[in-house]
Protein backbone atom coordinates (compact mmCIF):
# COMPACT_ATOMS: atom_id res chain seq x y z
CA MET A 1 56.72 60.53 105.84
CA ASP A 2 54.07 60.85 103.29
CA HIS A 3 53.92 64.45 102.06
CA GLY A 4 50.40 64.11 100.35
CA LEU A 5 51.39 62.35 96.67
CA GLY A 6 50.76 58.99 97.58
CA ARG A 7 54.30 57.34 97.98
CA PRO A 8 56.10 57.58 101.25
CA GLY A 9 59.13 60.04 100.54
CA PHE A 10 57.77 62.16 97.89
CA ALA A 11 57.19 65.62 99.09
CA VAL A 12 55.42 68.54 97.16
CA ILE A 13 57.02 71.65 98.90
CA PRO A 14 55.33 74.99 98.04
CA VAL A 15 57.32 77.94 97.59
CA LEU A 16 57.57 81.66 98.77
CA ASP A 17 59.89 84.37 97.08
CA LEU A 18 60.01 87.26 99.47
CA ARG A 19 60.81 90.79 98.41
CA GLY A 20 60.68 93.91 100.44
CA GLY A 21 58.59 92.09 103.04
CA ARG A 22 55.98 90.75 100.36
CA VAL A 23 55.65 87.70 98.39
CA VAL A 24 56.55 88.08 94.83
CA ARG A 25 55.82 86.20 91.56
CA ALA A 26 58.68 84.26 90.14
CA ARG A 27 59.20 84.18 86.47
CA ARG A 28 62.05 82.44 84.67
CA GLY A 29 64.69 83.34 87.63
CA GLU A 30 64.41 87.20 86.35
CA ARG A 31 64.32 88.33 89.77
CA SER A 32 64.67 92.15 89.43
CA SER A 33 61.31 91.91 87.57
CA TYR A 34 59.53 90.05 90.15
CA ALA A 35 56.33 91.87 91.46
CA PRO A 36 54.21 91.47 94.52
CA ILE A 37 52.03 88.32 93.68
CA GLU A 38 48.28 88.46 92.86
CA THR A 39 46.98 84.91 93.48
CA PRO A 40 43.38 83.63 94.35
CA LEU A 41 44.97 81.78 97.41
CA ALA A 42 45.30 84.94 99.44
CA LYS A 43 44.02 88.47 100.02
CA GLY A 44 47.34 90.55 99.06
CA SER A 45 50.96 89.65 99.23
CA ALA A 46 51.65 89.30 102.93
CA PRO A 47 53.80 86.21 103.61
CA GLU A 48 51.60 84.65 106.35
CA MET A 49 48.47 85.10 104.11
CA VAL A 50 50.16 83.61 100.97
CA ALA A 51 51.72 81.11 103.28
CA ARG A 52 48.33 79.89 104.65
CA GLY A 53 46.93 79.68 101.27
CA LEU A 54 49.35 77.54 99.97
CA CYS A 55 48.91 75.27 103.01
CA GLU A 56 45.19 75.23 102.34
CA ALA A 57 45.87 74.50 98.58
CA TRP A 58 48.10 71.52 99.25
CA PRO A 59 48.69 69.22 102.34
CA ALA A 60 52.38 70.22 102.84
CA ALA A 61 54.77 69.43 105.46
CA THR A 62 57.10 71.77 104.43
CA LEU A 63 57.61 75.28 103.06
CA TYR A 64 60.37 76.70 100.74
CA VAL A 65 61.22 80.46 101.24
CA ALA A 66 63.73 82.28 99.18
CA ASP A 67 64.61 85.54 100.78
CA LEU A 68 65.53 87.55 97.77
CA ASP A 69 66.63 90.71 99.60
CA ALA A 70 69.17 88.42 101.42
CA ILE A 71 70.29 86.56 98.26
CA LEU A 72 70.59 89.66 95.99
CA ASP A 73 71.45 92.46 98.37
CA ARG A 74 73.19 90.47 101.23
CA ALA A 75 70.50 91.65 103.61
CA PRO A 76 69.99 89.93 107.02
CA PRO A 77 67.44 87.26 106.81
CA ASP A 78 63.82 88.38 107.24
CA LEU A 79 63.20 86.69 110.46
CA ALA A 80 59.95 88.75 110.96
CA ALA A 81 58.41 87.39 107.82
CA LEU A 82 59.48 83.75 108.61
CA LYS A 83 58.09 84.09 111.96
CA ALA A 84 54.86 85.21 110.70
CA ILE A 85 54.97 82.24 108.36
CA THR A 86 55.19 79.69 111.03
CA ARG A 87 52.70 81.28 113.22
CA ALA A 88 50.20 81.16 109.88
CA CYS A 89 51.12 77.52 109.42
CA PRO A 90 51.57 75.67 112.57
CA GLY A 91 53.34 72.55 112.51
CA ILE A 92 54.98 73.19 108.89
CA GLY A 93 58.84 72.99 108.41
CA LEU A 94 60.66 75.70 106.78
CA TRP A 95 63.52 75.24 103.94
CA VAL A 96 65.19 78.98 104.04
CA ASP A 97 67.59 80.14 101.19
CA ALA A 98 68.70 83.63 102.61
CA GLY A 99 71.78 83.84 100.66
CA PHE A 100 74.06 81.92 103.12
CA ALA A 101 77.62 82.11 102.33
CA ASP A 102 79.53 81.57 105.22
CA PRO A 103 79.50 78.95 108.31
CA ALA A 104 78.77 81.94 110.62
CA GLY A 105 75.54 82.98 108.82
CA VAL A 106 74.48 79.56 108.59
CA ALA A 107 75.15 78.69 112.24
CA ALA A 108 73.31 82.01 113.24
CA PHE A 109 70.28 81.10 111.38
CA LEU A 110 70.33 77.35 112.75
CA ALA A 111 70.24 79.21 116.35
CA THR A 112 67.09 80.81 115.38
CA GLY A 113 65.08 77.47 115.17
CA LEU A 114 63.24 79.04 112.20
CA GLY A 115 63.97 76.26 109.93
CA ARG A 116 66.68 74.39 107.70
CA PRO A 117 68.92 76.73 105.99
CA VAL A 118 69.48 76.08 102.07
CA ILE A 119 72.93 76.51 100.87
CA GLY A 120 72.57 78.05 97.33
CA SER A 121 75.66 77.07 95.11
CA GLU A 122 75.06 80.58 93.23
CA SER A 123 75.89 82.41 96.78
CA GLN A 124 78.99 80.31 97.39
CA ALA A 125 82.59 81.09 97.12
CA ASP A 126 83.68 78.12 99.39
CA PRO A 127 82.38 74.83 98.09
CA GLY A 128 82.67 73.22 101.49
CA VAL A 129 80.19 75.18 103.56
CA ALA A 130 77.28 72.84 103.10
CA ALA A 131 79.27 69.94 104.08
CA ARG A 132 80.37 71.33 107.56
CA PHE A 133 76.56 71.38 108.42
CA GLY A 134 75.70 67.82 107.25
CA ASP A 135 72.01 67.19 107.20
CA ARG A 136 70.89 70.07 109.30
CA ALA A 137 71.27 71.97 105.89
CA VAL A 138 69.87 71.65 102.31
CA LEU A 139 71.87 72.06 99.17
CA SER A 140 70.55 73.89 96.18
CA LEU A 141 72.41 73.32 92.88
CA ASP A 142 71.61 76.42 91.06
CA THR A 143 71.57 76.51 87.33
CA ARG A 144 70.65 79.26 84.54
CA GLY A 145 70.25 77.24 81.23
CA ALA A 146 73.51 75.56 80.54
CA GLU A 147 75.23 77.65 83.27
CA ARG A 148 76.07 76.11 86.53
CA LEU A 149 76.04 78.88 89.18
CA GLY A 150 78.72 78.77 91.80
CA PRO A 151 81.95 76.87 92.31
CA ALA A 152 82.25 74.00 89.84
CA ALA A 153 83.30 71.76 92.65
CA LEU A 154 80.28 71.90 94.22
CA HIS A 155 78.40 70.70 91.35
CA ASP A 156 80.90 67.88 90.67
CA ASP A 157 81.65 66.46 93.84
CA PRO A 158 78.88 64.69 95.86
CA ALA A 159 81.11 64.40 98.84
CA LEU A 160 80.25 67.86 99.42
CA TRP A 161 76.48 67.27 99.35
CA PRO A 162 74.18 66.88 102.33
CA ARG A 163 71.44 64.14 102.34
CA ASP A 164 68.80 66.69 100.53
CA VAL A 165 69.76 68.17 97.41
CA ILE A 166 67.60 70.83 95.39
CA ALA A 167 68.07 70.94 91.46
CA MET A 168 67.17 74.77 91.15
CA THR A 169 66.83 75.31 87.39
CA LEU A 170 66.05 79.05 87.54
CA ALA A 171 65.37 79.63 83.89
CA GLN A 172 62.28 77.17 84.05
CA VAL A 173 60.91 78.60 87.40
CA GLY A 174 57.30 79.92 86.36
CA ALA A 175 57.96 79.25 82.78
CA GLY A 176 55.48 76.35 82.46
CA GLN A 177 57.86 74.25 80.39
CA GLY A 178 57.97 71.06 82.48
CA PRO A 179 60.94 69.86 84.95
CA ASP A 180 64.18 68.94 83.26
CA LEU A 181 64.19 65.18 83.65
CA ALA A 182 67.35 64.62 82.00
CA ALA A 183 69.38 67.17 84.01
CA LEU A 184 67.84 65.57 87.18
CA GLY A 185 68.54 61.97 86.05
CA ALA A 186 72.40 63.12 85.55
CA ILE A 187 72.52 64.44 89.06
CA GLN A 188 70.76 61.38 90.45
CA ALA A 189 73.16 58.99 88.63
CA ARG A 190 76.06 60.58 90.31
CA ALA A 191 74.66 60.59 93.95
CA PRO A 192 71.79 57.94 93.98
CA ASP A 193 72.12 57.82 97.92
CA ARG A 194 70.82 61.56 98.08
CA ARG A 195 67.19 62.66 98.24
CA LEU A 196 67.14 64.91 94.98
CA TYR A 197 64.17 67.53 94.70
CA ALA A 198 63.29 69.31 91.53
CA ALA A 199 62.70 73.18 91.36
CA GLY A 200 61.26 74.84 88.30
CA GLY A 201 58.84 73.78 85.68
CA VAL A 202 56.18 71.98 87.46
CA ARG A 203 52.91 72.37 85.48
CA GLY A 204 50.46 69.99 87.22
CA PRO A 205 50.03 66.38 88.40
CA GLY A 206 51.29 64.82 85.40
CA ASP A 207 54.79 66.25 86.04
CA LEU A 208 54.57 65.18 89.54
CA ARG A 209 53.77 61.55 88.52
CA ALA A 210 56.80 61.76 85.99
CA LEU A 211 59.08 62.96 88.80
CA ARG A 212 57.88 60.52 91.25
CA GLU A 213 58.36 57.28 88.59
CA ALA A 214 61.75 58.65 87.84
CA GLY A 215 62.59 58.29 91.65
CA ILE A 216 62.94 62.03 92.43
CA ALA A 217 62.29 62.92 96.19
CA GLY A 218 59.86 65.53 95.74
CA ALA A 219 59.25 68.94 93.92
CA LEU A 220 59.25 72.67 94.67
CA VAL A 221 56.27 74.09 93.42
CA ALA A 222 54.45 77.72 93.33
CA SER A 223 52.90 78.88 89.82
CA ALA A 224 50.85 75.63 89.57
CA LEU A 225 49.36 75.96 92.95
CA HIS A 226 48.43 79.82 92.29
CA ASP A 227 47.29 79.02 88.79
CA ALA A 228 45.19 75.97 90.19
CA THR A 229 46.70 73.69 87.67
CA LEU A 230 47.53 71.69 90.94
CA SER A 231 45.22 71.68 94.09
CA ARG A 232 44.56 69.54 97.18
CA ALA A 233 42.00 67.37 95.06
CA ASP A 234 45.02 66.20 92.85
CA ALA A 235 46.79 65.27 95.99
CA ALA A 236 43.74 62.99 97.08
CA ASP A 237 43.64 61.44 93.57
CA LEU A 238 47.33 60.67 93.43
CA VAL A 239 46.97 59.07 96.94
């Protein structure tokens, strides 16, 4: 599948962070300070409005949704917001991180048909949860600076990883510092048969080109779209 970057298999995946039923602006992974988003892409911070704006700003096939109430407070997934997003963007697939930490929660979400669950390493006690669901789930290897979040075994053993793996560098989210190509390369070298997605730091089309040339499968992007350093015009140029 060509997700608009000009080479089949490279996906640009816009991101929505939800808190209290609204979309918030992510900065350096400091989640307690996230405020409702103000963006030229939408009037207000309602999930369906921001989702529609992101889909108009980039020809995406997938949206990534981080449900911060579920991740931080162990609240149930915000199914109403997810349904509103899918209605606003027909045909779009969702990757959803809602703090899934046990097989029952993952299975219950899969039964809703609202998207693929993202198993965040930061939420895990059992390193084997993601492996139980194979390619129906996505794994997020979460780091904050040099700290690897979650079980060491999950970071170290590619046998526990599904096909699609996100390298989530929380300290670089919204920081405008560029993706950590060295860290991505180290993960890629350990599991060259996995599809690796970069999350955190993408500033514009130059970073996307660098990731593509490094063999990365795609990138999760938010700030660059809201700040218009990345736009649909860039997708056309890269094609």
